[in-house]
Structure formats: structure tokens, C-alpha cells
Amino acid sequence: MAYSGSALRTISSATSVKAAAARSHTNGVVPINPSLLSFKLAPSTRLLTKTSSFGNFSVANRSFSCKSQAASTEESRPTKVQELSVYEINERDRGSPAYLRLSQKSVNSLGDLVPFSNKLYTGDLQKRIGITAGICVLIQNKPEKKGDRYEAIYSFYFGDYGQISVQGSYLTYEDTYLAVTGGSGIFEGAYGQVKLQQLVFPFKLFYTFYLKGLKEDLPEELLGKAVEPSPAVEPSPAAKACEPNAVIANYTE
């Protein structure tokens, strides 16, 4: 029987494929169905592309949103500076300060702790407003200046008005500035700085706050004209006795 050349080539190709398949089975290799492979890969590729695109779009969208919120918050933060003066007076009736000599040395040394709490009066010394409460960590003794350098963290309590927190370098031998780190009540959102003046350490100190971030103006009750700072200053007898007309509402005791 005669066969055409094309028929012979077809038979030859089929024989070759079968032979290759047989060799693959013999060697432990499972032949791959090309049509099945292409069918599964195509959707996966498209899904990956869509997922990547969706991810990129989503991330970019979030980044833009965060930046917008941050910029908006910064722009809306009040920058008006409000000045507030108060006196801190140690009347020796609160057991303050308590010196904890953790260094176990005879002279003030690094690591010594000083918790303290003193009374607060308005700058005009006519009203009792609350207390200070906090702690100082001794950083360095300065014998040549007859004093010490502390790192201080403490708060000023103003009864119903709220409180102001501060932190920074506390020097017993000269004036210094501390950072206002926050507040509560009418002082919520407060930032800025406060000047500390040592009049008679550790018994009389004068503070001038330069506050930013407050939503409203400070109440007039706290803003009486400050008495000129000096070692001789004293609160009014009524304020010292905490008479009803010489204290703020629910002043902190």
C-alpha cells in the first residue's frame, strides 16, 4: 500500500510524542498538559495584576489622606501666646521636699531623687490656686555655684481649671526655662515654655508661663497683676488662710 509523504510525517510525529511521553514516565517526570497550564496561569496573572494595581492605588490614597489630616491639624492649632504668672511657696507644712539619697554619697550626686509638692498662688498673691507635684532627678552637683542641676518632671494643679505639665532643666542657682508638655481642662493642648525664677530655694519660686495651643483666653481670675518677684514676697493673709473669697473653685490641696 502506498502512503503519501504528509501521512508519513504525521505518523512519525505522533510516534515521537509517544516515545517522549514514555521516556518521561520512565524518568519519573509527569508531563504537563500545555492547555491546562495556560488555562490556570492566565487568570492568576490577571488576578495578580489587579491586586497589585489595587494595592498601589489604596496605599497612595491612604498616604495622601494622612498628610492632609496632619497639615489640617497643624494649621488649626492655636499659636496665640498667653502669659500666666504664679508663685510656688513652700510653707513647710507638706513634708516637702523629700531627699532620697540613692547615690549613698555624703554629697549630692547623680541619681539622687527629690519628690516635692508645694502651694501655688496667683501672681498677685491674692488667691490660693492649688499645688505643684513632681520629682527632680539630680544630674550634677555644682559646688562652684553652690547648687545643683536637676532634671524635673512636675505639674501645676489649678482646681477646676485643670493642670499644666512641664519638664526640663531645674537649676537651684539661676533662672531657667522648662518646656510645657501638655495640660488638661482649660489647658488642654497647651505647649510652650515657662520661666522659673529661684527667689529663695527651695521655698519661694516665681513662674511665668508662655502658653500656646489654648482654645480660649485664660480666665481673669488667674490674671491679676503679678507682684514684683523678690525673696520677701508673701501671699495675702486671706489666701494663706484659704478663705472662700481668696481661693479658686475646688482649689487643689
C-alpha atoms as a PDB file:
ATOM      1  CA  MET A   1       0.000   0.000   0.000  1.00  0.00           C
ATOM      2  CA  ALA A   2       1.323   3.387  -0.867  1.00  0.00           C
ATOM      3  CA  TYR A   3       1.402   6.300   1.629  1.00  0.00           C
ATOM      4  CA  SER A   4       1.769   9.919   0.877  1.00  0.00           C
ATOM      5  CA  GLY A   5       4.717  11.899   2.269  1.00  0.00           C
ATOM      6  CA  SER A   6       2.477  14.020   4.557  1.00  0.00           C
ATOM      7  CA  ALA A   7       0.908  10.945   6.096  1.00  0.00           C
ATOM      8  CA  LEU A   8       4.334   9.524   6.847  1.00  0.00           C
ATOM      9  CA  ARG A   9       5.358  12.755   8.552  1.00  0.00           C
ATOM     10  CA  THR A  10       2.195  12.729  10.713  1.00  0.00           C
ATOM     11  CA  ILE A  11       2.787   9.151  11.839  1.00  0.00           C
ATOM     12  CA  SER A  12       6.428   9.960  12.540  1.00  0.00           C
ATOM     13  CA  SER A  13       5.495  12.984  14.711  1.00  0.00           C
ATOM     14  CA  ALA A  14       2.913  11.034  16.689  1.00  0.00           C
ATOM     15  CA  THR A  15       5.424   8.270  17.273  1.00  0.00           C
ATOM     16  CA  SER A  16       7.982  10.810  18.533  1.00  0.00           C
ATOM     17  CA  VAL A  17       5.496  12.316  21.012  1.00  0.00           C
ATOM     18  CA  LYS A  18       4.561   8.903  22.374  1.00  0.00           C
ATOM     19  CA  ALA A  19       8.207   7.999  22.709  1.00  0.00           C
ATOM     20  CA  ALA A  20       8.943  11.231  24.602  1.00  0.00           C
ATOM     21  CA  ALA A  21       5.995  10.618  26.926  1.00  0.00           C
ATOM     22  CA  ALA A  22       7.211   7.115  27.601  1.00  0.00           C
ATOM     23  CA  ARG A  23      10.687   8.393  28.450  1.00  0.00           C
ATOM     24  CA  SER A  24       9.180  10.983  30.802  1.00  0.00           C
ATOM     25  CA  HIS A  25       7.222   8.338  32.707  1.00  0.00           C
ATOM     26  CA  THR A  26      10.301   6.187  32.875  1.00  0.00           C
ATOM     27  CA  ASN A  27      12.358   9.049  34.388  1.00  0.00           C
ATOM     28  CA  GLY A  28       9.666   9.982  36.949  1.00  0.00           C
ATOM     29  CA  VAL A  29       8.708  13.226  35.213  1.00  0.00           C
ATOM     30  CA  VAL A  30       4.999  13.931  34.861  1.00  0.00           C
ATOM     31  CA  PRO A  31       4.215  15.516  31.522  1.00  0.00           C
ATOM     32  CA  ILE A  32       2.485  18.857  31.641  1.00  0.00           C
ATOM     33  CA  ASN A  33      -0.634  19.473  29.649  1.00  0.00           C
ATOM     34  CA  PRO A  34       0.090  22.780  27.848  1.00  0.00           C
ATOM     35  CA  SER A  35      -3.575  23.678  27.508  1.00  0.00           C
ATOM     36  CA  LEU A  36      -4.214  23.129  31.244  1.00  0.00           C
ATOM     37  CA  LEU A  37      -1.122  25.140  32.183  1.00  0.00           C
ATOM     38  CA  SER A  38      -2.100  28.106  30.068  1.00  0.00           C
ATOM     39  CA  PHE A  39      -5.683  27.948  31.358  1.00  0.00           C
ATOM     40  CA  LYS A  40      -4.572  28.219  35.019  1.00  0.00           C
ATOM     41  CA  LEU A  41      -1.780  30.719  34.593  1.00  0.00           C
ATOM     42  CA  ALA A  42      -3.756  33.262  32.663  1.00  0.00           C
ATOM     43  CA  PRO A  43      -6.349  34.046  35.382  1.00  0.00           C
ATOM     44  CA  SER A  44      -3.650  34.055  38.083  1.00  0.00           C
ATOM     45  CA  THR A  45      -1.599  36.526  36.138  1.00  0.00           C
ATOM     46  CA  ARG A  46      -4.585  38.767  35.645  1.00  0.00           C
ATOM     47  CA  LEU A  47      -5.548  38.491  39.336  1.00  0.00           C
ATOM     48  CA  LEU A  48      -2.022  39.364  40.428  1.00  0.00           C
ATOM     49  CA  THR A  49      -2.019  42.366  38.179  1.00  0.00           C
ATOM     50  CA  LYS A  50      -5.345  43.561  39.541  1.00  0.00           C
ATOM     51  CA  THR A  51      -4.289  43.003  43.141  1.00  0.00           C
ATOM     52  CA  SER A  52      -1.060  44.899  42.640  1.00  0.00           C
ATOM     53  CA  SER A  53      -2.835  47.747  40.970  1.00  0.00           C
ATOM     54  CA  PHE A  54      -5.471  47.857  43.699  1.00  0.00           C
ATOM     55  CA  GLY A  55      -2.757  47.775  46.395  1.00  0.00           C
ATOM     56  CA  ASN A  56      -0.809  50.606  44.806  1.00  0.00           C
ATOM     57  CA  PHE A  57      -3.932  52.707  44.440  1.00  0.00           C
ATOM     58  CA  SER A  58      -5.020  52.051  48.037  1.00  0.00           C
ATOM     59  CA  VAL A  59      -1.622  52.849  49.588  1.00  0.00           C
ATOM     60  CA  ALA A  60      -1.252  56.033  47.613  1.00  0.00           C
ATOM     61  CA  ASN A  61      -4.743  57.060  48.653  1.00  0.00           C
ATOM     62  CA  ARG A  62      -4.019  56.472  52.355  1.00  0.00           C
ATOM     63  CA  SER A  63      -0.736  58.398  52.251  1.00  0.00           C
ATOM     64  CA  PHE A  64      -2.441  61.402  50.715  1.00  0.00           C
ATOM     65  CA  SER A  65      -5.216  61.271  53.313  1.00  0.00           C
ATOM     66  CA  CYS A  66      -2.775  61.135  56.263  1.00  0.00           C
ATOM     67  CA  LYS A  67      -0.755  64.065  55.008  1.00  0.00           C
ATOM     68  CA  SER A  68      -3.885  66.117  54.556  1.00  0.00           C
ATOM     69  CA  GLN A  69      -5.047  65.401  58.119  1.00  0.00           C
ATOM     70  CA  ALA A  70      -1.637  66.254  59.596  1.00  0.00           C
ATOM     71  CA  ALA A  71      -1.468  69.530  57.705  1.00  0.00           C
ATOM     72  CA  SER A  72      -5.016  70.386  58.745  1.00  0.00           C
ATOM     73  CA  THR A  73      -4.268  69.683  62.432  1.00  0.00           C
ATOM     74  CA  GLU A  74      -1.115  71.798  62.367  1.00  0.00           C
ATOM     75  CA  GLU A  75      -2.892  74.699  60.707  1.00  0.00           C
ATOM     76  CA  SER A  76      -5.775  74.640  63.201  1.00  0.00           C
ATOM     77  CA  ARG A  77      -3.518  74.557  66.287  1.00  0.00           C
ATOM     78  CA  PRO A  78      -3.772  77.921  68.122  1.00  0.00           C
ATOM     79  CA  THR A  79      -0.496  79.854  68.174  1.00  0.00           C
ATOM     80  CA  LYS A  80      -1.568  82.834  70.288  1.00  0.00           C
ATOM     81  CA  VAL A  81       0.780  83.266  73.270  1.00  0.00           C
ATOM     82  CA  GLN A  82      -0.934  83.750  76.634  1.00  0.00           C
ATOM     83  CA  GLU A  83       1.096  84.769  79.675  1.00  0.00           C
ATOM     84  CA  LEU A  84       0.374  83.430  83.149  1.00  0.00           C
ATOM     85  CA  SER A  85       2.311  84.128  86.359  1.00  0.00           C
ATOM     86  CA  VAL A  86       2.163  82.091  89.585  1.00  0.00           C
ATOM     87  CA  TYR A  87       4.085  81.802  92.831  1.00  0.00           C
ATOM     88  CA  GLU A  88       5.160  78.471  94.305  1.00  0.00           C
ATOM     89  CA  ILE A  89       5.688  78.717  98.056  1.00  0.00           C
ATOM     90  CA  ASN A  90       6.910  76.038 100.444  1.00  0.00           C
ATOM     91  CA  GLU A  91       5.223  76.756 103.777  1.00  0.00           C
ATOM     92  CA  ARG A  92       6.948  73.789 105.436  1.00  0.00           C
ATOM     93  CA  ASP A  93       3.683  72.019 106.180  1.00  0.00           C
ATOM     94  CA  ARG A  94       3.670  69.336 103.456  1.00  0.00           C
ATOM     95  CA  GLY A  95       6.849  67.407 104.308  1.00  0.00           C
ATOM     96  CA  SER A  96       8.386  68.716 101.093  1.00  0.00           C
ATOM     97  CA  PRO A  97      10.921  68.259  99.646  1.00  0.00           C
ATOM     98  CA  ALA A  98      11.865  64.656 100.469  1.00  0.00           C
ATOM     99  CA  TYR A  99      15.523  63.997  99.621  1.00  0.00           C
ATOM    100  CA  LEU A 100      16.177  60.370  98.636  1.00  0.00           C
ATOM    101  CA  ARG A 101      19.939  59.865  98.601  1.00  0.00           C
ATOM    102  CA  LEU A 102      20.037  56.867  96.266  1.00  0.00           C
ATOM    103  CA  SER A 103      23.680  57.525  95.418  1.00  0.00           C
ATOM    104  CA  GLN A 104      24.535  56.728  99.066  1.00  0.00           C
ATOM    105  CA  LYS A 105      27.108  59.508  98.999  1.00  0.00           C
ATOM    106  CA  SER A 106      27.581  62.286 101.532  1.00  0.00           C
ATOM    107  CA  VAL A 107      27.290  64.990  98.859  1.00  0.00           C
ATOM    108  CA  ASN A 108      24.505  65.464  96.330  1.00  0.00           C
ATOM    109  CA  SER A 109      25.284  63.092  93.462  1.00  0.00           C
ATOM    110  CA  LEU A 110      23.887  61.733  90.210  1.00  0.00           C
ATOM    111  CA  GLY A 111      20.757  59.671  90.762  1.00  0.00           C
ATOM    112  CA  ASP A 112      19.526  61.290  93.973  1.00  0.00           C
ATOM    113  CA  LEU A 113      15.760  61.854  93.823  1.00  0.00           C
ATOM    114  CA  VAL A 114      13.723  64.732  95.230  1.00  0.00           C
ATOM    115  CA  PRO A 115       9.915  64.316  95.240  1.00  0.00           C
ATOM    116  CA  PHE A 116       8.174  67.584  96.149  1.00  0.00           C
ATOM    117  CA  SER A 117       4.804  69.310  96.480  1.00  0.00           C
ATOM    118  CA  ASN A 118       4.291  72.984  97.328  1.00  0.00           C
ATOM    119  CA  LYS A 119       1.443  75.511  97.361  1.00  0.00           C
ATOM    120  CA  LEU A 120       0.505  77.685  94.388  1.00  0.00           C
ATOM    121  CA  TYR A 121      -0.764  81.273  94.473  1.00  0.00           C
ATOM    122  CA  THR A 122      -1.805  83.673  91.740  1.00  0.00           C
ATOM    123  CA  GLY A 123       0.782  86.161  90.547  1.00  0.00           C
ATOM    124  CA  ASP A 124      -0.829  88.936  92.597  1.00  0.00           C
ATOM    125  CA  LEU A 125      -0.662  86.666  95.691  1.00  0.00           C
ATOM    126  CA  GLN A 126      -4.370  87.258  96.397  1.00  0.00           C
ATOM    127  CA  LYS A 127      -5.673  83.738  95.736  1.00  0.00           C
ATOM    128  CA  ARG A 128      -4.669  80.190  96.535  1.00  0.00           C
ATOM    129  CA  ILE A 129      -4.985  78.168  93.348  1.00  0.00           C
ATOM    130  CA  GLY A 130      -3.521  74.746  94.040  1.00  0.00           C
ATOM    131  CA  ILE A 131      -0.258  72.863  94.318  1.00  0.00           C
ATOM    132  CA  THR A 132       2.777  71.655  92.439  1.00  0.00           C
ATOM    133  CA  ALA A 133       3.593  67.943  92.447  1.00  0.00           C
ATOM    134  CA  GLY A 134       6.517  66.150  90.867  1.00  0.00           C
ATOM    135  CA  ILE A 135      10.040  64.861  91.119  1.00  0.00           C
ATOM    136  CA  CYS A 136      13.567  66.052  90.393  1.00  0.00           C
ATOM    137  CA  VAL A 137      16.455  63.757  89.449  1.00  0.00           C
ATOM    138  CA  LEU A 138      19.869  65.101  90.379  1.00  0.00           C
ATOM    139  CA  ILE A 139      22.111  65.306  87.316  1.00  0.00           C
ATOM    140  CA  GLN A 140      25.113  67.277  88.543  1.00  0.00           C
ATOM    141  CA  ASN A 141      26.341  68.919  91.717  1.00  0.00           C
ATOM    142  CA  LYS A 142      27.807  72.393  91.099  1.00  0.00           C
ATOM    143  CA  PRO A 143      29.974  73.248  94.133  1.00  0.00           C
ATOM    144  CA  GLU A 144      31.394  76.338  92.420  1.00  0.00           C
ATOM    145  CA  LYS A 145      27.832  77.686  92.119  1.00  0.00           C
ATOM    146  CA  LYS A 146      26.731  76.320  95.490  1.00  0.00           C
ATOM    147  CA  GLY A 147      23.850  74.483  93.875  1.00  0.00           C
ATOM    148  CA  ASP A 148      22.666  71.594  91.750  1.00  0.00           C
ATOM    149  CA  ARG A 149      21.304  70.813  88.342  1.00  0.00           C
ATOM    150  CA  TYR A 150      18.226  68.569  88.209  1.00  0.00           C
ATOM    151  CA  GLU A 151      16.020  67.113  85.514  1.00  0.00           C
ATOM    152  CA  ALA A 152      12.477  67.880  86.622  1.00  0.00           C
ATOM    153  CA  ILE A 153       9.066  66.479  85.719  1.00  0.00           C
ATOM    154  CA  TYR A 154       6.110  68.035  87.505  1.00  0.00           C
ATOM    155  CA  SER A 155       2.626  69.502  87.250  1.00  0.00           C
ATOM    156  CA  PHE A 156       0.809  72.644  88.361  1.00  0.00           C
ATOM    157  CA  TYR A 157      -2.735  71.992  89.599  1.00  0.00           C
ATOM    158  CA  PHE A 158      -5.394  74.710  89.264  1.00  0.00           C
ATOM    159  CA  GLY A 159      -8.501  73.168  90.838  1.00  0.00           C
ATOM    160  CA  ASP A 160     -11.446  73.001  88.428  1.00  0.00           C
ATOM    161  CA  TYR A 161      -9.433  74.746  85.728  1.00  0.00           C
ATOM    162  CA  GLY A 162      -7.169  71.730  85.190  1.00  0.00           C
ATOM    163  CA  GLN A 163      -3.406  71.288  85.233  1.00  0.00           C
ATOM    164  CA  ILE A 164      -0.220  72.082  83.307  1.00  0.00           C
ATOM    165  CA  SER A 165       2.685  69.629  82.966  1.00  0.00           C
ATOM    166  CA  VAL A 166       6.302  70.713  82.486  1.00  0.00           C
ATOM    167  CA  GLN A 167       9.681  69.075  82.034  1.00  0.00           C
ATOM    168  CA  GLY A 168      13.259  70.236  81.738  1.00  0.00           C
ATOM    169  CA  SER A 169      16.361  71.501  83.460  1.00  0.00           C
ATOM    170  CA  TYR A 170      15.789  72.726  87.029  1.00  0.00           C
ATOM    171  CA  LEU A 171      18.681  74.796  88.384  1.00  0.00           C
ATOM    172  CA  THR A 172      18.872  75.782  92.044  1.00  0.00           C
ATOM    173  CA  TYR A 173      21.350  78.611  91.441  1.00  0.00           C
ATOM    174  CA  GLU A 174      19.904  80.582  88.485  1.00  0.00           C
ATOM    175  CA  ASP A 175      16.828  81.160  86.342  1.00  0.00           C
ATOM    176  CA  THR A 176      15.949  78.601  83.704  1.00  0.00           C
ATOM    177  CA  TYR A 177      13.253  77.632  81.203  1.00  0.00           C
ATOM    178  CA  LEU A 178      11.289  74.384  81.112  1.00  0.00           C
ATOM    179  CA  ALA A 179       9.095  73.014  78.335  1.00  0.00           C
ATOM    180  CA  VAL A 180       5.325  72.918  78.713  1.00  0.00           C
ATOM    181  CA  THR A 181       4.467  69.365  77.671  1.00  0.00           C
ATOM    182  CA  GLY A 182       0.683  69.436  77.931  1.00  0.00           C
ATOM    183  CA  GLY A 183      -2.309  70.065  80.120  1.00  0.00           C
ATOM    184  CA  SER A 184      -5.903  69.258  80.954  1.00  0.00           C
ATOM    185  CA  GLY A 185      -9.125  71.189  81.453  1.00  0.00           C
ATOM    186  CA  ILE A 186      -8.789  74.716  80.055  1.00  0.00           C
ATOM    187  CA  PHE A 187      -5.104  73.917  79.482  1.00  0.00           C
ATOM    188  CA  GLU A 188      -5.793  71.016  77.115  1.00  0.00           C
ATOM    189  CA  GLY A 189      -3.441  71.171  74.121  1.00  0.00           C
ATOM    190  CA  ALA A 190      -1.059  73.572  75.876  1.00  0.00           C
ATOM    191  CA  TYR A 191       2.522  73.858  74.717  1.00  0.00           C
ATOM    192  CA  GLY A 192       5.255  76.479  75.016  1.00  0.00           C
ATOM    193  CA  GLN A 193       7.650  77.221  77.869  1.00  0.00           C
ATOM    194  CA  VAL A 194       7.803  78.500  81.423  1.00  0.00           C
ATOM    195  CA  LYS A 195      10.466  80.657  83.050  1.00  0.00           C
ATOM    196  CA  LEU A 196      11.467  79.552  86.550  1.00  0.00           C
ATOM    197  CA  GLN A 197      12.967  82.147  88.901  1.00  0.00           C
ATOM    198  CA  GLN A 198      14.531  80.941  92.142  1.00  0.00           C
ATOM    199  CA  LEU A 199      13.848  83.554  94.825  1.00  0.00           C
ATOM    200  CA  VAL A 200      14.704  81.514  97.930  1.00  0.00           C
ATOM    201  CA  PHE A 201      15.446  77.879  97.046  1.00  0.00           C
ATOM    202  CA  PRO A 202      13.504  75.722  97.749  1.00  0.00           C
ATOM    203  CA  PHE A 203      10.925  77.902  99.490  1.00  0.00           C
ATOM    204  CA  LYS A 204       9.913  80.659  97.074  1.00  0.00           C
ATOM    205  CA  LEU A 205       9.798  80.407  93.287  1.00  0.00           C
ATOM    206  CA  PHE A 206       8.173  82.559  90.615  1.00  0.00           C
ATOM    207  CA  TYR A 207       6.966  81.183  87.279  1.00  0.00           C
ATOM    208  CA  THR A 208       5.976  82.942  84.071  1.00  0.00           C
ATOM    209  CA  PHE A 209       4.203  80.698  81.563  1.00  0.00           C
ATOM    210  CA  TYR A 210       4.154  81.484  77.855  1.00  0.00           C
ATOM    211  CA  LEU A 211       1.329  79.247  76.706  1.00  0.00           C
ATOM    212  CA  LYS A 212       0.253  78.343  73.186  1.00  0.00           C
ATOM    213  CA  GLY A 213      -2.407  75.941  71.959  1.00  0.00           C
ATOM    214  CA  LEU A 214      -5.207  77.083  74.295  1.00  0.00           C
ATOM    215  CA  LYS A 215      -8.684  77.088  72.767  1.00  0.00           C
ATOM    216  CA  GLU A 216      -9.909  80.055  74.826  1.00  0.00           C
ATOM    217  CA  ASP A 217      -8.477  83.026  76.706  1.00  0.00           C
ATOM    218  CA  LEU A 218      -7.363  82.429  80.276  1.00  0.00           C
ATOM    219  CA  PRO A 219      -9.890  83.451  82.968  1.00  0.00           C
ATOM    220  CA  GLU A 220      -9.390  86.864  84.556  1.00  0.00           C
ATOM    221  CA  GLU A 221      -9.321  85.207  87.971  1.00  0.00           C
ATOM    222  CA  LEU A 222      -5.847  83.872  87.193  1.00  0.00           C
ATOM    223  CA  LEU A 223      -4.500  87.027  85.574  1.00  0.00           C
ATOM    224  CA  GLY A 224      -4.123  89.571  88.371  1.00  0.00           C
ATOM    225  CA  LYS A 225      -1.118  91.883  88.036  1.00  0.00           C
ATOM    226  CA  ALA A 226       1.894  89.995  89.351  1.00  0.00           C
ATOM    227  CA  VAL A 227       3.757  91.236  92.396  1.00  0.00           C
ATOM    228  CA  GLU A 228       7.376  92.009  91.575  1.00  0.00           C
ATOM    229  CA  PRO A 229       9.381  88.855  92.401  1.00  0.00           C
ATOM    230  CA  SER A 230      11.611  89.166  95.474  1.00  0.00           C
ATOM    231  CA  PRO A 231      12.675  86.992  98.423  1.00  0.00           C
ATOM    232  CA  ALA A 232      10.342  88.984 100.684  1.00  0.00           C
ATOM    233  CA  VAL A 233       7.043  88.210  98.906  1.00  0.00           C
ATOM    234  CA  GLU A 234       4.211  86.642 100.913  1.00  0.00           C
ATOM    235  CA  PRO A 235       0.658  85.600  99.993  1.00  0.00           C
ATOM    236  CA  SER A 236      -2.187  87.694 101.404  1.00  0.00           C
ATOM    237  CA  PRO A 237      -3.439  86.540 104.827  1.00  0.00           C
ATOM    238  CA  ALA A 238      -6.808  85.606 103.284  1.00  0.00           C
ATOM    239  CA  ALA A 239      -5.178  83.485 100.584  1.00  0.00           C
ATOM    240  CA  LYS A 240      -2.883  81.853 103.086  1.00  0.00           C
ATOM    241  CA  ALA A 241      -5.876  81.009 105.287  1.00  0.00           C
ATOM    242  CA  CYS A 242      -7.803  79.723 102.224  1.00  0.00           C
ATOM    243  CA  GLU A 243     -10.797  81.959 102.924  1.00  0.00           C
ATOM    244  CA  PRO A 244     -13.725  81.465 100.492  1.00  0.00           C
ATOM    245  CA  ASN A 245     -13.123  84.727  98.633  1.00  0.00           C
ATOM    246  CA  ALA A 246      -9.386  84.039  98.338  1.00  0.00           C
ATOM    247  CA  VAL A 247      -9.375  80.659  96.598  1.00  0.00           C
ATOM    248  CA  ILE A 248     -10.386  79.400  93.156  1.00  0.00           C
ATOM    249  CA  ALA A 249     -13.154  76.822  92.735  1.00  0.00           C
ATOM    250  CA  ASN A 250     -12.140  73.476  94.212  1.00  0.00           C
ATOM    251  CA  TYR A 251      -8.522  74.559  94.512  1.00  0.00           C
ATOM    252  CA  THR A 252      -6.160  71.590  94.689  1.00  0.00           C
ATOM    253  CA  GLU A 253      -4.960  70.855  98.227  1.00  0.00           C
END
